[in-house]
Amino acid sequence: MQTGSRQEQLLTLLLNSEVGMSIDALAAKLEISRNAVKQHLVVLEKQQLVKEAALNSTGGRPARSYTLTERGVNRFPKQYAWFCNLLLSELATEMSTEALEKMMWNMGVKLGQSLAPQFSHKEPEQKMAALVELMQSLGYHAECEQHEGRTSIKAVNCVYHDLAQQHPELCHFDQALITTLLDNPIQQTSCMAKKDCDCRFNVVSEVEIGK
């Protein structure tokens, strides 16, 4: 078998073992040598997918066990999107569209307020740079653009695209988060969930605010 498939098998064995497994036990299950298991474990430890556990007494020499790290556990498929869709669908049946939009907006504001200390005492340009960096870290593939004196944020990856298509109220979360962190109103002029090429958020100028 290929190295990658051996490592997948090793990770799966550890996933199914609450107390961890020794090198000997892993070698027996995989039907490969102890040295081969050690080599795979070295690679997986560097990737922070496995870690050494406590020494187990086997009646002879103590045997060190290995278990999955949190990263290792999270490497296996999760159904977050499925559960979120189920939750949002249930909320949509219990709430009006306006109430769900308000809920998403309030969630965005609360998250923004929790991150606000990172943005305090920054000039507007610095806040914008920090926001783009934050959105990049979250996977939005965002960038700041200047066009005809207007500042906007363009994101070419909607991090919950499928969910937003079914529940467009989610967009109010982004709008509230960006507004709160910039401490400035924004206007969303395009949305990937509505088949646009990107999600674009224009910063409302002081002149527009004053109108």
C-alpha atoms as a PDB file:
ATOM      1  CA  MET A   1       0.000   0.000   0.000  1.00  0.00           C
ATOM      2  CA  GLN A   2       1.013   3.620  -0.411  1.00  0.00           C
ATOM      3  CA  THR A   3       2.448   5.534   2.548  1.00  0.00           C
ATOM      4  CA  GLY A   4      -0.527   7.850   2.651  1.00  0.00           C
ATOM      5  CA  SER A   5      -3.016   4.997   2.930  1.00  0.00           C
ATOM      6  CA  ARG A   6      -0.965   3.382   5.727  1.00  0.00           C
ATOM      7  CA  GLN A   7      -1.076   6.623   7.668  1.00  0.00           C
ATOM      8  CA  GLU A   8      -4.822   6.897   7.115  1.00  0.00           C
ATOM      9  CA  GLN A   9      -5.204   3.368   8.476  1.00  0.00           C
ATOM     10  CA  LEU A  10      -3.033   4.215  11.470  1.00  0.00           C
ATOM     11  CA  LEU A  11      -5.080   7.323  12.251  1.00  0.00           C
ATOM     12  CA  THR A  12      -8.308   5.344  11.962  1.00  0.00           C
ATOM     13  CA  LEU A  13      -7.006   2.723  14.406  1.00  0.00           C
ATOM     14  CA  LEU A  14      -6.173   5.453  16.917  1.00  0.00           C
ATOM     15  CA  LEU A  15      -9.571   7.071  16.393  1.00  0.00           C
ATOM     16  CA  ASN A  16     -11.197   3.826  17.471  1.00  0.00           C
ATOM     17  CA  SER A  17      -8.996   3.431  20.547  1.00  0.00           C
ATOM     18  CA  GLU A  18      -9.926   5.492  23.602  1.00  0.00           C
ATOM     19  CA  VAL A  19      -6.738   4.708  25.530  1.00  0.00           C
ATOM     20  CA  GLY A  20      -4.335   4.758  22.594  1.00  0.00           C
ATOM     21  CA  MET A  21      -2.273   1.994  21.025  1.00  0.00           C
ATOM     22  CA  SER A  22       1.328   0.898  21.328  1.00  0.00           C
ATOM     23  CA  ILE A  23       3.737   0.570  18.434  1.00  0.00           C
ATOM     24  CA  ASP A  24       3.546  -3.221  18.721  1.00  0.00           C
ATOM     25  CA  ALA A  25      -0.255  -3.179  18.627  1.00  0.00           C
ATOM     26  CA  LEU A  26      -0.288  -0.874  15.625  1.00  0.00           C
ATOM     27  CA  ALA A  27       2.286  -3.017  13.820  1.00  0.00           C
ATOM     28  CA  ALA A  28       0.196  -6.144  14.449  1.00  0.00           C
ATOM     29  CA  LYS A  29      -3.019  -4.524  13.209  1.00  0.00           C
ATOM     30  CA  LEU A  30      -1.378  -3.052  10.104  1.00  0.00           C
ATOM     31  CA  GLU A  31       0.756  -6.152   9.507  1.00  0.00           C
ATOM     32  CA  ILE A  32       3.906  -4.084   9.043  1.00  0.00           C
ATOM     33  CA  SER A  33       7.161  -3.807  11.007  1.00  0.00           C
ATOM     34  CA  ARG A  34       7.666  -1.786  14.170  1.00  0.00           C
ATOM     35  CA  ASN A  35      10.185   0.404  12.344  1.00  0.00           C
ATOM     36  CA  ALA A  36       7.627   1.190   9.649  1.00  0.00           C
ATOM     37  CA  VAL A  37       5.096   2.197  12.318  1.00  0.00           C
ATOM     38  CA  LYS A  38       7.713   4.405  13.996  1.00  0.00           C
ATOM     39  CA  GLN A  39       8.436   6.158  10.698  1.00  0.00           C
ATOM     40  CA  HIS A  40       4.751   6.863  10.128  1.00  0.00           C
ATOM     41  CA  LEU A  41       4.351   8.124  13.710  1.00  0.00           C
ATOM     42  CA  VAL A  42       7.288  10.514  13.317  1.00  0.00           C
ATOM     43  CA  VAL A  43       5.596  12.057  10.260  1.00  0.00           C
ATOM     44  CA  LEU A  44       2.202  12.250  11.974  1.00  0.00           C
ATOM     45  CA  GLU A  45       3.732  13.794  15.109  1.00  0.00           C
ATOM     46  CA  LYS A  46       5.361  16.514  13.014  1.00  0.00           C
ATOM     47  CA  GLN A  47       1.940  17.207  11.523  1.00  0.00           C
ATOM     48  CA  GLN A  48       0.574  17.377  15.090  1.00  0.00           C
ATOM     49  CA  LEU A  49      -1.961  14.639  14.346  1.00  0.00           C
ATOM     50  CA  VAL A  50      -0.775  12.153  16.989  1.00  0.00           C
ATOM     51  CA  LYS A  51       0.937  12.422  20.359  1.00  0.00           C
ATOM     52  CA  GLU A  52       2.528  10.143  22.891  1.00  0.00           C
ATOM     53  CA  ALA A  53       0.267   8.947  25.691  1.00  0.00           C
ATOM     54  CA  ALA A  54       1.032   7.396  29.062  1.00  0.00           C
ATOM     55  CA  LEU A  55       3.215   4.351  29.451  1.00  0.00           C
ATOM     56  CA  ASN A  56       1.207   1.126  29.744  1.00  0.00           C
ATOM     57  CA  SER A  57       2.431  -1.750  31.855  1.00  0.00           C
ATOM     58  CA  THR A  58       2.316  -5.001  29.898  1.00  0.00           C
ATOM     59  CA  GLY A  59       3.919  -7.246  32.506  1.00  0.00           C
ATOM     60  CA  GLY A  60       7.258  -6.715  30.810  1.00  0.00           C
ATOM     61  CA  ARG A  61       8.815  -3.508  29.693  1.00  0.00           C
ATOM     62  CA  PRO A  62       6.473  -0.496  29.705  1.00  0.00           C
ATOM     63  CA  ALA A  63       4.970   0.222  26.290  1.00  0.00           C
ATOM     64  CA  ARG A  64       4.326   3.769  25.175  1.00  0.00           C
ATOM     65  CA  SER A  65       0.972   4.382  23.568  1.00  0.00           C
ATOM     66  CA  TYR A  66      -0.049   6.930  20.966  1.00  0.00           C
ATOM     67  CA  THR A  67      -3.337   8.791  20.670  1.00  0.00           C
ATOM     68  CA  LEU A  68      -4.832  11.341  18.326  1.00  0.00           C
ATOM     69  CA  THR A  69      -4.467  15.037  19.049  1.00  0.00           C
ATOM     70  CA  GLU A  70      -7.425  17.407  18.687  1.00  0.00           C
ATOM     71  CA  ARG A  71      -6.123  18.212  15.222  1.00  0.00           C
ATOM     72  CA  GLY A  72      -6.017  14.516  14.460  1.00  0.00           C
ATOM     73  CA  VAL A  73      -9.606  14.016  15.572  1.00  0.00           C
ATOM     74  CA  ASN A  74     -10.754  17.034  13.586  1.00  0.00           C
ATOM     75  CA  ARG A  75      -9.067  15.660  10.479  1.00  0.00           C
ATOM     76  CA  PHE A  76     -11.914  13.199  10.100  1.00  0.00           C
ATOM     77  CA  PRO A  77     -15.086  14.408   8.349  1.00  0.00           C
ATOM     78  CA  LYS A  78     -17.493  16.512  10.387  1.00  0.00           C
ATOM     79  CA  GLN A  79     -21.055  17.540   9.552  1.00  0.00           C
ATOM     80  CA  TYR A  80     -21.031  21.141  10.736  1.00  0.00           C
ATOM     81  CA  ALA A  81     -22.693  22.491   7.581  1.00  0.00           C
ATOM     82  CA  TRP A  82     -25.408  19.848   7.750  1.00  0.00           C
ATOM     83  CA  PHE A  83     -26.150  20.641  11.388  1.00  0.00           C
ATOM     84  CA  CYS A  84     -26.078  24.414  10.793  1.00  0.00           C
ATOM     85  CA  ASN A  85     -28.529  24.018   7.929  1.00  0.00           C
ATOM     86  CA  LEU A  86     -30.788  21.908  10.147  1.00  0.00           C
ATOM     87  CA  LEU A  87     -30.616  24.517  12.902  1.00  0.00           C
ATOM     88  CA  LEU A  88     -31.252  27.454  10.560  1.00  0.00           C
ATOM     89  CA  SER A  89     -34.163  25.646   8.912  1.00  0.00           C
ATOM     90  CA  GLU A  90     -35.719  25.091  12.325  1.00  0.00           C
ATOM     91  CA  LEU A  91     -35.199  28.733  13.272  1.00  0.00           C
ATOM     92  CA  ALA A  92     -36.729  29.840   9.975  1.00  0.00           C
ATOM     93  CA  THR A  93     -39.902  27.906  10.748  1.00  0.00           C
ATOM     94  CA  GLU A  94     -40.153  29.496  14.198  1.00  0.00           C
ATOM     95  CA  MET A  95     -39.184  33.070  13.290  1.00  0.00           C
ATOM     96  CA  SER A  96     -40.120  35.644  10.684  1.00  0.00           C
ATOM     97  CA  THR A  97     -37.541  36.642   8.088  1.00  0.00           C
ATOM     98  CA  GLU A  98     -37.108  39.988   9.820  1.00  0.00           C
ATOM     99  CA  ALA A  99     -36.547  38.330  13.192  1.00  0.00           C
ATOM    100  CA  LEU A 100     -33.970  35.919  11.761  1.00  0.00           C
ATOM    101  CA  GLU A 101     -32.161  38.777  10.015  1.00  0.00           C
ATOM    102  CA  LYS A 102     -32.078  40.691  13.307  1.00  0.00           C
ATOM    103  CA  MET A 103     -30.716  37.626  15.086  1.00  0.00           C
ATOM    104  CA  MET A 104     -27.910  37.243  12.519  1.00  0.00           C
ATOM    105  CA  TRP A 105     -27.152  40.972  12.788  1.00  0.00           C
ATOM    106  CA  ASN A 106     -26.952  40.812  16.584  1.00  0.00           C
ATOM    107  CA  MET A 107     -24.633  37.801  16.384  1.00  0.00           C
ATOM    108  CA  GLY A 108     -22.345  39.716  14.029  1.00  0.00           C
ATOM    109  CA  VAL A 109     -22.329  42.719  16.352  1.00  0.00           C
ATOM    110  CA  LYS A 110     -21.483  40.564  19.380  1.00  0.00           C
ATOM    111  CA  LEU A 111     -18.603  38.884  17.589  1.00  0.00           C
ATOM    112  CA  GLY A 112     -17.379  42.269  16.386  1.00  0.00           C
ATOM    113  CA  GLN A 113     -17.509  43.653  19.920  1.00  0.00           C
ATOM    114  CA  SER A 114     -15.476  40.715  21.208  1.00  0.00           C
ATOM    115  CA  LEU A 115     -12.803  41.474  18.586  1.00  0.00           C
ATOM    116  CA  ALA A 116     -13.032  45.249  18.953  1.00  0.00           C
ATOM    117  CA  PRO A 117      -9.989  45.616  21.272  1.00  0.00           C
ATOM    118  CA  GLN A 118      -7.799  44.499  18.365  1.00  0.00           C
ATOM    119  CA  PHE A 119      -9.150  47.413  16.317  1.00  0.00           C
ATOM    120  CA  SER A 120      -9.235  50.158  18.935  1.00  0.00           C
ATOM    121  CA  HIS A 121      -6.891  53.142  18.593  1.00  0.00           C
ATOM    122  CA  LYS A 122      -6.358  52.351  14.901  1.00  0.00           C
ATOM    123  CA  GLU A 123      -6.808  54.800  12.063  1.00  0.00           C
ATOM    124  CA  PRO A 124      -9.494  53.917   9.468  1.00  0.00           C
ATOM    125  CA  GLU A 125      -6.890  52.608   7.018  1.00  0.00           C
ATOM    126  CA  GLN A 126      -5.356  50.440   9.722  1.00  0.00           C
ATOM    127  CA  LYS A 127      -8.764  49.093  10.713  1.00  0.00           C
ATOM    128  CA  MET A 128      -9.435  48.187   7.103  1.00  0.00           C
ATOM    129  CA  ALA A 129      -6.085  46.375   6.821  1.00  0.00           C
ATOM    130  CA  ALA A 130      -6.743  44.493  10.073  1.00  0.00           C
ATOM    131  CA  LEU A 131     -10.234  43.516   8.899  1.00  0.00           C
ATOM    132  CA  VAL A 132      -8.966  42.195   5.576  1.00  0.00           C
ATOM    133  CA  GLU A 133      -6.305  40.204   7.415  1.00  0.00           C
ATOM    134  CA  LEU A 134      -8.969  38.754   9.713  1.00  0.00           C
ATOM    135  CA  MET A 135     -11.222  37.815   6.785  1.00  0.00           C
ATOM    136  CA  GLN A 136      -8.255  36.220   5.040  1.00  0.00           C
ATOM    137  CA  SER A 137      -7.575  34.065   8.090  1.00  0.00           C
ATOM    138  CA  LEU A 138     -11.225  32.962   8.050  1.00  0.00           C
ATOM    139  CA  GLY A 139     -11.015  31.932   4.393  1.00  0.00           C
ATOM    140  CA  TYR A 140     -12.901  34.764   2.685  1.00  0.00           C
ATOM    141  CA  HIS A 141     -10.043  35.529   0.245  1.00  0.00           C
ATOM    142  CA  ALA A 142     -10.733  39.202   0.827  1.00  0.00           C
ATOM    143  CA  GLU A 143      -8.979  42.331  -0.355  1.00  0.00           C
ATOM    144  CA  CYS A 144      -9.445  46.062  -0.061  1.00  0.00           C
ATOM    145  CA  GLU A 145     -10.157  48.042  -3.233  1.00  0.00           C
ATOM    146  CA  GLN A 146     -10.252  51.741  -4.014  1.00  0.00           C
ATOM    147  CA  HIS A 147     -12.365  52.917  -6.941  1.00  0.00           C
ATOM    148  CA  GLU A 148     -13.393  56.490  -7.722  1.00  0.00           C
ATOM    149  CA  GLY A 149     -12.754  57.561  -4.156  1.00  0.00           C
ATOM    150  CA  ARG A 150     -14.784  54.725  -2.674  1.00  0.00           C
ATOM    151  CA  THR A 151     -13.330  52.063  -0.389  1.00  0.00           C
ATOM    152  CA  SER A 152     -14.713  48.559  -0.573  1.00  0.00           C
ATOM    153  CA  ILE A 153     -13.942  45.028   0.529  1.00  0.00           C
ATOM    154  CA  LYS A 154     -14.163  42.290  -2.076  1.00  0.00           C
ATOM    155  CA  ALA A 155     -14.407  38.656  -0.998  1.00  0.00           C
ATOM    156  CA  VAL A 156     -14.281  35.925  -3.636  1.00  0.00           C
ATOM    157  CA  ASN A 157     -15.038  33.024  -1.291  1.00  0.00           C
ATOM    158  CA  CYS A 158     -18.236  32.843   0.741  1.00  0.00           C
ATOM    159  CA  VAL A 159     -17.288  30.681   3.720  1.00  0.00           C
ATOM    160  CA  TYR A 160     -20.865  29.398   4.063  1.00  0.00           C
ATOM    161  CA  HIS A 161     -21.943  29.590   0.437  1.00  0.00           C
ATOM    162  CA  ASP A 162     -24.423  26.695   0.405  1.00  0.00           C
ATOM    163  CA  LEU A 163     -25.988  27.813   3.687  1.00  0.00           C
ATOM    164  CA  ALA A 164     -26.334  31.408   2.485  1.00  0.00           C
ATOM    165  CA  GLN A 165     -28.074  30.260  -0.680  1.00  0.00           C
ATOM    166  CA  GLN A 166     -30.733  28.562   1.415  1.00  0.00           C
ATOM    167  CA  HIS A 167     -30.742  31.146   4.199  1.00  0.00           C
ATOM    168  CA  PRO A 168     -29.817  34.597   2.811  1.00  0.00           C
ATOM    169  CA  GLU A 169     -30.391  36.055   6.277  1.00  0.00           C
ATOM    170  CA  LEU A 170     -26.828  34.885   7.020  1.00  0.00           C
ATOM    171  CA  CYS A 171     -25.470  37.824   5.026  1.00  0.00           C
ATOM    172  CA  HIS A 172     -26.609  40.144   7.814  1.00  0.00           C
ATOM    173  CA  PHE A 173     -24.003  38.498  10.040  1.00  0.00           C
ATOM    174  CA  ASP A 174     -21.177  39.589   7.724  1.00  0.00           C
ATOM    175  CA  GLN A 175     -22.634  43.047   7.339  1.00  0.00           C
ATOM    176  CA  ALA A 176     -22.904  43.549  11.098  1.00  0.00           C
ATOM    177  CA  LEU A 177     -19.428  42.167  11.777  1.00  0.00           C
ATOM    178  CA  ILE A 178     -17.784  44.454   9.217  1.00  0.00           C
ATOM    179  CA  THR A 179     -19.792  47.491  10.336  1.00  0.00           C
ATOM    180  CA  THR A 180     -18.868  46.896  13.980  1.00  0.00           C
ATOM    181  CA  LEU A 181     -15.146  46.364  13.391  1.00  0.00           C
ATOM    182  CA  LEU A 182     -14.805  49.362  11.078  1.00  0.00           C
ATOM    183  CA  ASP A 183     -17.083  51.456  13.297  1.00  0.00           C
ATOM    184  CA  ASN A 184     -18.582  52.668  10.055  1.00  0.00           C
ATOM    185  CA  PRO A 185     -21.728  51.748   8.083  1.00  0.00           C
ATOM    186  CA  ILE A 186     -21.236  49.542   5.025  1.00  0.00           C
ATOM    187  CA  GLN A 187     -23.411  48.660   2.067  1.00  0.00           C
ATOM    188  CA  GLN A 188     -23.322  45.204   0.495  1.00  0.00           C
ATOM    189  CA  THR A 189     -23.619  45.680  -3.256  1.00  0.00           C
ATOM    190  CA  SER A 190     -23.010  42.117  -4.477  1.00  0.00           C
ATOM    191  CA  CYS A 191     -23.432  38.633  -3.041  1.00  0.00           C
ATOM    192  CA  MET A 192     -22.132  35.274  -4.257  1.00  0.00           C
ATOM    193  CA  ALA A 193     -25.161  33.531  -2.764  1.00  0.00           C
ATOM    194  CA  LYS A 194     -27.225  35.570  -5.241  1.00  0.00           C
ATOM    195  CA  LYS A 195     -25.048  34.399  -8.154  1.00  0.00           C
ATOM    196  CA  ASP A 196     -22.793  37.465  -8.213  1.00  0.00           C
ATOM    197  CA  CYS A 197     -19.081  36.970  -8.905  1.00  0.00           C
ATOM    198  CA  ASP A 198     -18.053  38.162  -5.445  1.00  0.00           C
ATOM    199  CA  CYS A 199     -19.310  39.596  -2.197  1.00  0.00           C
ATOM    200  CA  ARG A 200     -18.617  43.322  -2.086  1.00  0.00           C
ATOM    201  CA  PHE A 201     -19.031  45.646   0.870  1.00  0.00           C
ATOM    202  CA  ASN A 202     -18.773  49.385   0.222  1.00  0.00           C
ATOM    203  CA  VAL A 203     -17.766  51.641   3.095  1.00  0.00           C
ATOM    204  CA  VAL A 204     -20.314  54.442   3.442  1.00  0.00           C
ATOM    205  CA  SER A 205     -18.536  57.807   3.389  1.00  0.00           C
ATOM    206  CA  GLU A 206     -19.057  60.600   5.896  1.00  0.00           C
ATOM    207  CA  VAL A 207     -20.797  62.615   3.187  1.00  0.00           C
ATOM    208  CA  GLU A 208     -23.286  59.774   2.589  1.00  0.00           C
ATOM    209  CA  ILE A 209     -23.822  59.324   6.327  1.00  0.00           C
ATOM    210  CA  GLY A 210     -24.648  63.009   6.682  1.00  0.00           C
ATOM    211  CA  LYS A 211     -27.306  62.928   3.967  1.00  0.00           C
END
